[in-house]
Amino acid sequence: MSNINLIIEERFIDWNFVASDKALIAAAKQKWIAQQFEKIKGEETEFVPYPTFPKK
């Protein structure tokens, strides 16, 4: 049996974004809302808005 050292980092999830740093998720969220991600060829006019949920 081999010795494998695993480094397990905490992960944060927000919609389609996963990162070990909440700041990276916040930046990606703002970039998504501003539609600054590269468009997919053939689907340049499609956009899925960032989801909003009613406050309870």
Protein backbone atom coordinates (compact mmCIF):
# COMPACT_ATOMS: atom_id res chain seq x y z
CA MET A 1 0.00 0.00 0.00
CA SER A 2 1.41 3.41 -0.91
CA ASN A 3 1.56 6.41 1.36
CA ILE A 4 -0.37 9.26 -0.19
CA ASN A 5 -0.54 12.56 1.61
CA LEU A 6 -3.77 14.34 0.83
CA ILE A 7 -4.26 18.01 1.47
CA ILE A 8 -7.94 18.63 1.88
CA GLU A 9 -8.97 22.24 1.54
CA GLU A 10 -12.34 23.66 2.45
CA ARG A 11 -14.46 24.38 -0.62
CA PHE A 12 -17.20 26.95 -1.02
CA ILE A 13 -20.06 26.63 -3.50
CA ASP A 14 -22.27 29.34 -4.93
CA TRP A 15 -24.48 28.33 -7.84
CA ASN A 16 -22.01 27.09 -10.53
CA PHE A 17 -18.90 28.41 -8.80
CA VAL A 18 -16.65 26.30 -6.56
CA ALA A 19 -13.44 27.57 -4.97
CA SER A 20 -11.33 27.37 -1.84
CA ASP A 21 -11.46 31.17 -1.52
CA LYS A 22 -14.75 33.06 -1.12
CA ALA A 23 -13.21 36.12 -2.81
CA LEU A 24 -12.71 34.11 -6.01
CA ILE A 25 -16.38 33.15 -5.98
CA ALA A 26 -17.46 36.75 -5.39
CA ALA A 27 -15.30 37.91 -8.30
CA ALA A 28 -16.64 35.17 -10.59
CA LYS A 29 -20.22 36.06 -9.61
CA GLN A 30 -19.69 39.73 -10.53
CA LYS A 31 -17.95 38.74 -13.76
CA TRP A 32 -20.89 36.45 -14.63
CA ILE A 33 -23.49 39.13 -13.90
CA ALA A 34 -21.55 41.58 -16.11
CA GLN A 35 -21.41 38.88 -18.84
CA GLN A 36 -17.62 39.08 -18.98
CA PHE A 37 -16.98 35.37 -19.48
CA GLU A 38 -16.01 34.20 -22.96
CA LYS A 39 -19.06 33.28 -25.06
CA ILE A 40 -19.55 29.75 -26.33
CA LYS A 41 -19.21 29.52 -30.10
CA GLY A 42 -22.64 29.11 -31.67
CA GLU A 43 -24.40 30.29 -28.51
CA GLU A 44 -23.17 33.87 -28.34
CA THR A 45 -26.68 35.25 -27.80
CA GLU A 46 -27.58 32.83 -24.99
CA PHE A 47 -27.22 33.94 -21.38
CA VAL A 48 -28.32 32.27 -18.15
CA PRO A 49 -28.76 34.97 -15.52
CA TYR A 50 -27.39 34.54 -12.03
CA PRO A 51 -30.28 33.17 -9.96
CA THR A 52 -31.97 35.31 -7.37
CA PHE A 53 -33.98 33.87 -4.54
CA PRO A 54 -36.68 35.62 -2.56
CA LYS A 55 -35.63 36.54 0.98
CA LYS A 56 -37.55 34.72 3.69
